[in-house]
């Protein structure tokens, strides 16, 4: 019995060391990131927004981000778990495509960027591709009485390049893009 207790304590000590080293590596690694592992908070017009969490923009004068399967509720993050062979899921995506084409009539013949009609795994993705933003340029330029070149330049300045030029795709944070859009006028 005594041998088992000593072995259990040794194993516990070794695991504490391994897990402790792992936590130090993860914590240290997060401090290298641009936000240093913290949420990016934006104060705008007296309200606090988290740039790391997708926001819903209903007005057609704004860029729309990815749909959310959890209604943008950060407390209930999660996907729908419905795959591409699920009939109900395909109907939802088709409705999103139809709505997007109604909102952007000038883009009817253009391929719809996938992130504008499918939710992410968390349901809270704050970013879209540059193509997803460019798809919406004509609508926004028309509704805001701005030139398409102004909107395209705004998208270019708001595009975040891959981390260290290697990791991940270029992306546009929809919240930051819409705030910059409001500041154009």
C-alpha atoms as a PDB file:
ATOM      1  CA  UNK A   1       0.000   0.000   0.000  1.00  0.00           C
ATOM      2  CA  UNK A   2       2.819   2.380   0.923  1.00  0.00           C
ATOM      3  CA  UNK A   3       4.470   1.771  -2.492  1.00  0.00           C
ATOM      4  CA  UNK A   4       1.239   2.717  -4.294  1.00  0.00           C
ATOM      5  CA  UNK A   5       0.893   5.984  -2.372  1.00  0.00           C
ATOM      6  CA  UNK A   6       4.508   6.963  -3.115  1.00  0.00           C
ATOM      7  CA  UNK A   7       3.999   6.127  -6.830  1.00  0.00           C
ATOM      8  CA  UNK A   8       0.784   8.160  -6.906  1.00  0.00           C
ATOM      9  CA  UNK A   9       2.536  11.172  -5.366  1.00  0.00           C
ATOM     10  CA  UNK A  10       5.424  10.883  -7.855  1.00  0.00           C
ATOM     11  CA  UNK A  11       2.984  10.719 -10.784  1.00  0.00           C
ATOM     12  CA  UNK A  12       1.025  13.676  -9.418  1.00  0.00           C
ATOM     13  CA  UNK A  13       4.216  15.724  -9.030  1.00  0.00           C
ATOM     14  CA  UNK A  14       5.421  14.868 -12.567  1.00  0.00           C
ATOM     15  CA  UNK A  15       2.025  15.793 -14.047  1.00  0.00           C
ATOM     16  CA  UNK A  16       1.964  19.094 -12.143  1.00  0.00           C
ATOM     17  CA  UNK A  17       5.373  19.959 -13.594  1.00  0.00           C
ATOM     18  CA  UNK A  18       4.331  18.995 -17.155  1.00  0.00           C
ATOM     19  CA  UNK A  19       1.020  20.883 -16.980  1.00  0.00           C
ATOM     20  CA  UNK A  20       2.729  23.874 -15.350  1.00  0.00           C
ATOM     21  CA  UNK A  21       5.319  24.057 -18.134  1.00  0.00           C
ATOM     22  CA  UNK A  22       2.544  23.782 -20.730  1.00  0.00           C
ATOM     23  CA  UNK A  23       0.600  26.644 -19.110  1.00  0.00           C
ATOM     24  CA  UNK A  24       3.698  28.853 -19.006  1.00  0.00           C
ATOM     25  CA  UNK A  25       4.334  28.190 -22.720  1.00  0.00           C
ATOM     26  CA  UNK A  26       0.721  28.990 -23.678  1.00  0.00           C
ATOM     27  CA  UNK A  27       0.641  32.128 -21.511  1.00  0.00           C
ATOM     28  CA  UNK A  28       4.019  33.317 -22.814  1.00  0.00           C
ATOM     29  CA  UNK A  29       2.964  32.602 -26.382  1.00  0.00           C
ATOM     30  CA  UNK A  30      -0.197  34.668 -25.959  1.00  0.00           C
ATOM     31  CA  UNK A  31       1.894  37.679 -24.942  1.00  0.00           C
ATOM     32  CA  UNK A  32       3.548  37.628 -28.391  1.00  0.00           C
ATOM     33  CA  UNK A  33       0.189  38.147 -30.130  1.00  0.00           C
ATOM     34  CA  UNK A  34      -0.894  41.671 -31.149  1.00  0.00           C
ATOM     35  CA  UNK A  35      -3.544  41.871 -28.380  1.00  0.00           C
ATOM     36  CA  UNK A  36      -1.287  40.048 -25.900  1.00  0.00           C
ATOM     37  CA  UNK A  37      -3.977  37.447 -25.233  1.00  0.00           C
ATOM     38  CA  UNK A  38      -6.558  40.007 -24.124  1.00  0.00           C
ATOM     39  CA  UNK A  39      -9.849  41.014 -25.672  1.00  0.00           C
ATOM     40  CA  UNK A  40      -9.681  43.999 -27.998  1.00  0.00           C
ATOM     41  CA  UNK A  41     -12.160  46.526 -26.634  1.00  0.00           C
ATOM     42  CA  UNK A  42     -13.378  49.426 -28.779  1.00  0.00           C
ATOM     43  CA  UNK A  43     -15.266  52.340 -27.256  1.00  0.00           C
ATOM     44  CA  UNK A  44     -17.441  53.992 -29.886  1.00  0.00           C
ATOM     45  CA  UNK A  45     -20.274  56.475 -29.388  1.00  0.00           C
ATOM     46  CA  UNK A  46     -20.393  55.764 -25.664  1.00  0.00           C
ATOM     47  CA  UNK A  47     -20.679  51.987 -26.087  1.00  0.00           C
ATOM     48  CA  UNK A  48     -18.169  49.232 -25.493  1.00  0.00           C
ATOM     49  CA  UNK A  49     -17.654  46.645 -28.254  1.00  0.00           C
ATOM     50  CA  UNK A  50     -15.421  43.583 -28.377  1.00  0.00           C
ATOM     51  CA  UNK A  51     -13.632  43.418 -31.720  1.00  0.00           C
ATOM     52  CA  UNK A  52     -12.883  39.713 -31.138  1.00  0.00           C
ATOM     53  CA  UNK A  53     -16.584  38.780 -31.172  1.00  0.00           C
ATOM     54  CA  UNK A  54     -18.864  39.015 -34.200  1.00  0.00           C
ATOM     55  CA  UNK A  55     -21.482  41.765 -34.128  1.00  0.00           C
ATOM     56  CA  UNK A  56     -24.776  41.889 -35.989  1.00  0.00           C
ATOM     57  CA  UNK A  57     -25.334  44.775 -38.408  1.00  0.00           C
ATOM     58  CA  UNK A  58     -28.900  44.803 -39.721  1.00  0.00           C
ATOM     59  CA  UNK A  59     -28.850  48.059 -41.687  1.00  0.00           C
ATOM     60  CA  UNK A  60     -27.974  47.741 -45.373  1.00  0.00           C
ATOM     61  CA  UNK A  61     -25.745  50.818 -44.983  1.00  0.00           C
ATOM     62  CA  UNK A  62     -23.220  48.665 -43.138  1.00  0.00           C
ATOM     63  CA  UNK A  63     -21.063  45.714 -44.052  1.00  0.00           C
ATOM     64  CA  UNK A  64     -22.541  42.427 -42.893  1.00  0.00           C
ATOM     65  CA  UNK A  65     -20.382  39.778 -41.299  1.00  0.00           C
ATOM     66  CA  UNK A  66     -20.779  36.046 -41.017  1.00  0.00           C
ATOM     67  CA  UNK A  67     -24.150  34.706 -39.948  1.00  0.00           C
ATOM     68  CA  UNK A  68     -24.324  33.367 -36.409  1.00  0.00           C
ATOM     69  CA  UNK A  69     -25.931  30.118 -35.357  1.00  0.00           C
ATOM     70  CA  UNK A  70     -26.136  31.468 -31.772  1.00  0.00           C
ATOM     71  CA  UNK A  71     -27.516  34.950 -32.575  1.00  0.00           C
ATOM     72  CA  UNK A  72     -24.162  36.554 -31.676  1.00  0.00           C
ATOM     73  CA  UNK A  73     -24.505  35.492 -28.028  1.00  0.00           C
ATOM     74  CA  UNK A  74     -20.962  35.148 -26.671  1.00  0.00           C
ATOM     75  CA  UNK A  75     -22.230  33.251 -23.628  1.00  0.00           C
ATOM     76  CA  UNK A  76     -23.614  30.517 -25.860  1.00  0.00           C
ATOM     77  CA  UNK A  77     -20.861  30.056 -28.414  1.00  0.00           C
ATOM     78  CA  UNK A  78     -21.321  27.127 -30.774  1.00  0.00           C
ATOM     79  CA  UNK A  79     -22.119  25.902 -34.244  1.00  0.00           C
ATOM     80  CA  UNK A  80     -25.276  24.316 -35.564  1.00  0.00           C
ATOM     81  CA  UNK A  81     -23.573  20.919 -36.105  1.00  0.00           C
ATOM     82  CA  UNK A  82     -25.479  20.546 -39.363  1.00  0.00           C
ATOM     83  CA  UNK A  83     -23.420  19.308 -42.265  1.00  0.00           C
ATOM     84  CA  UNK A  84     -23.620  20.011 -45.994  1.00  0.00           C
ATOM     85  CA  UNK A  85     -25.831  16.960 -46.542  1.00  0.00           C
ATOM     86  CA  UNK A  86     -28.479  18.171 -44.068  1.00  0.00           C
ATOM     87  CA  UNK A  87     -31.595  19.326 -45.944  1.00  0.00           C
ATOM     88  CA  UNK A  88     -32.573  21.910 -43.310  1.00  0.00           C
ATOM     89  CA  UNK A  89     -29.053  23.391 -43.354  1.00  0.00           C
ATOM     90  CA  UNK A  90     -29.069  23.644 -47.153  1.00  0.00           C
ATOM     91  CA  UNK A  91     -32.428  25.455 -47.035  1.00  0.00           C
ATOM     92  CA  UNK A  92     -31.035  27.951 -44.487  1.00  0.00           C
ATOM     93  CA  UNK A  93     -27.960  28.607 -46.638  1.00  0.00           C
ATOM     94  CA  UNK A  94     -30.121  29.041 -49.753  1.00  0.00           C
ATOM     95  CA  UNK A  95     -32.304  31.588 -47.913  1.00  0.00           C
ATOM     96  CA  UNK A  96     -29.158  33.475 -46.918  1.00  0.00           C
ATOM     97  CA  UNK A  97     -27.946  33.451 -50.532  1.00  0.00           C
ATOM     98  CA  UNK A  98     -31.317  34.720 -51.761  1.00  0.00           C
ATOM     99  CA  UNK A  99     -31.372  37.491 -49.139  1.00  0.00           C
ATOM    100  CA  UNK A 100     -27.798  38.508 -49.944  1.00  0.00           C
ATOM    101  CA  UNK A 101     -28.589  38.706 -53.649  1.00  0.00           C
ATOM    102  CA  UNK A 102     -31.677  40.837 -52.920  1.00  0.00           C
ATOM    103  CA  UNK A 103     -29.577  43.206 -50.812  1.00  0.00           C
ATOM    104  CA  UNK A 104     -26.848  43.344 -53.471  1.00  0.00           C
ATOM    105  CA  UNK A 105     -28.736  43.303 -56.796  1.00  0.00           C
ATOM    106  CA  UNK A 106     -25.686  44.518 -58.742  1.00  0.00           C
ATOM    107  CA  UNK A 107     -23.852  41.331 -57.735  1.00  0.00           C
ATOM    108  CA  UNK A 108     -26.415  38.730 -58.895  1.00  0.00           C
ATOM    109  CA  UNK A 109     -24.044  37.146 -61.414  1.00  0.00           C
ATOM    110  CA  UNK A 110     -21.058  37.195 -59.027  1.00  0.00           C
ATOM    111  CA  UNK A 111     -20.183  34.158 -56.925  1.00  0.00           C
ATOM    112  CA  UNK A 112     -21.288  34.650 -53.299  1.00  0.00           C
ATOM    113  CA  UNK A 113     -18.371  34.431 -50.824  1.00  0.00           C
ATOM    114  CA  UNK A 114     -18.986  31.411 -48.613  1.00  0.00           C
ATOM    115  CA  UNK A 115     -18.465  33.222 -45.302  1.00  0.00           C
ATOM    116  CA  UNK A 116     -21.389  35.550 -46.007  1.00  0.00           C
ATOM    117  CA  UNK A 117     -23.860  32.637 -45.980  1.00  0.00           C
ATOM    118  CA  UNK A 118     -22.348  30.084 -43.563  1.00  0.00           C
ATOM    119  CA  UNK A 119     -21.786  30.458 -39.825  1.00  0.00           C
ATOM    120  CA  UNK A 120     -18.431  29.681 -38.262  1.00  0.00           C
ATOM    121  CA  UNK A 121     -17.911  26.873 -35.755  1.00  0.00           C
ATOM    122  CA  UNK A 122     -18.209  29.297 -32.832  1.00  0.00           C
ATOM    123  CA  UNK A 123     -20.985  31.371 -34.377  1.00  0.00           C
ATOM    124  CA  UNK A 124     -19.019  34.471 -33.318  1.00  0.00           C
ATOM    125  CA  UNK A 125     -16.421  35.022 -36.054  1.00  0.00           C
ATOM    126  CA  UNK A 126     -15.753  38.796 -36.275  1.00  0.00           C
ATOM    127  CA  UNK A 127     -13.930  38.684 -39.616  1.00  0.00           C
ATOM    128  CA  UNK A 128     -14.725  38.208 -43.280  1.00  0.00           C
ATOM    129  CA  UNK A 129     -12.438  37.866 -46.268  1.00  0.00           C
ATOM    130  CA  UNK A 130     -11.525  40.821 -48.433  1.00  0.00           C
ATOM    131  CA  UNK A 131     -13.691  39.240 -51.151  1.00  0.00           C
ATOM    132  CA  UNK A 132     -16.653  39.175 -48.746  1.00  0.00           C
ATOM    133  CA  UNK A 133     -16.231  42.891 -48.091  1.00  0.00           C
ATOM    134  CA  UNK A 134     -15.764  43.732 -51.774  1.00  0.00           C
ATOM    135  CA  UNK A 135     -18.979  41.866 -52.596  1.00  0.00           C
ATOM    136  CA  UNK A 136     -20.891  44.488 -50.584  1.00  0.00           C
ATOM    137  CA  UNK A 137     -19.185  47.631 -51.984  1.00  0.00           C
ATOM    138  CA  UNK A 138     -21.786  48.615 -54.595  1.00  0.00           C
ATOM    139  CA  UNK A 139     -24.681  48.447 -52.130  1.00  0.00           C
ATOM    140  CA  UNK A 140     -22.916  50.515 -49.492  1.00  0.00           C
ATOM    141  CA  UNK A 141     -21.600  53.090 -51.967  1.00  0.00           C
ATOM    142  CA  UNK A 142     -25.102  53.559 -53.386  1.00  0.00           C
ATOM    143  CA  UNK A 143     -26.845  53.833 -49.987  1.00  0.00           C
ATOM    144  CA  UNK A 144     -24.231  56.188 -48.496  1.00  0.00           C
ATOM    145  CA  UNK A 145     -23.698  58.298 -51.611  1.00  0.00           C
ATOM    146  CA  UNK A 146     -19.985  57.490 -51.681  1.00  0.00           C
ATOM    147  CA  UNK A 147     -17.829  56.372 -54.563  1.00  0.00           C
ATOM    148  CA  UNK A 148     -16.965  52.709 -54.898  1.00  0.00           C
ATOM    149  CA  UNK A 149     -13.275  53.678 -54.893  1.00  0.00           C
ATOM    150  CA  UNK A 150     -13.664  55.292 -51.454  1.00  0.00           C
ATOM    151  CA  UNK A 151     -15.199  52.105 -50.075  1.00  0.00           C
ATOM    152  CA  UNK A 152     -12.571  49.888 -51.747  1.00  0.00           C
ATOM    153  CA  UNK A 153      -9.756  52.034 -50.325  1.00  0.00           C
ATOM    154  CA  UNK A 154     -11.343  51.745 -46.892  1.00  0.00           C
ATOM    155  CA  UNK A 155     -11.433  47.961 -47.211  1.00  0.00           C
ATOM    156  CA  UNK A 156      -7.767  47.935 -48.251  1.00  0.00           C
ATOM    157  CA  UNK A 157      -6.730  50.005 -45.226  1.00  0.00           C
ATOM    158  CA  UNK A 158      -8.803  47.818 -42.871  1.00  0.00           C
ATOM    159  CA  UNK A 159      -7.487  44.505 -44.227  1.00  0.00           C
ATOM    160  CA  UNK A 160      -5.324  42.664 -41.708  1.00  0.00           C
ATOM    161  CA  UNK A 161      -2.501  40.672 -43.249  1.00  0.00           C
ATOM    162  CA  UNK A 162      -1.654  37.153 -42.008  1.00  0.00           C
ATOM    163  CA  UNK A 163       0.229  36.950 -38.696  1.00  0.00           C
ATOM    164  CA  UNK A 164       3.958  37.219 -39.502  1.00  0.00           C
ATOM    165  CA  UNK A 165       2.945  37.074 -43.168  1.00  0.00           C
ATOM    166  CA  UNK A 166       2.517  33.300 -42.881  1.00  0.00           C
ATOM    167  CA  UNK A 167      -0.250  32.221 -40.556  1.00  0.00           C
ATOM    168  CA  UNK A 168      -3.831  32.437 -41.788  1.00  0.00           C
ATOM    169  CA  UNK A 169      -5.535  34.385 -44.551  1.00  0.00           C
ATOM    170  CA  UNK A 170      -5.953  38.139 -44.939  1.00  0.00           C
ATOM    171  CA  UNK A 171      -9.115  39.241 -43.153  1.00  0.00           C
ATOM    172  CA  UNK A 172     -11.287  42.257 -42.459  1.00  0.00           C
ATOM    173  CA  UNK A 173     -12.798  42.885 -39.030  1.00  0.00           C
ATOM    174  CA  UNK A 174     -16.405  43.887 -39.742  1.00  0.00           C
ATOM    175  CA  UNK A 175     -16.821  46.011 -36.600  1.00  0.00           C
ATOM    176  CA  UNK A 176     -13.681  48.063 -37.290  1.00  0.00           C
ATOM    177  CA  UNK A 177     -14.625  48.397 -40.963  1.00  0.00           C
ATOM    178  CA  UNK A 178     -18.100  49.715 -40.109  1.00  0.00           C
ATOM    179  CA  UNK A 179     -16.718  52.197 -37.565  1.00  0.00           C
ATOM    180  CA  UNK A 180     -14.242  53.453 -40.172  1.00  0.00           C
ATOM    181  CA  UNK A 181     -17.131  53.648 -42.660  1.00  0.00           C
ATOM    182  CA  UNK A 182     -19.112  55.853 -40.255  1.00  0.00           C
ATOM    183  CA  UNK A 183     -16.084  58.105 -39.872  1.00  0.00           C
ATOM    184  CA  UNK A 184     -15.825  58.700 -43.639  1.00  0.00           C
ATOM    185  CA  UNK A 185     -18.686  61.235 -43.547  1.00  0.00           C
END
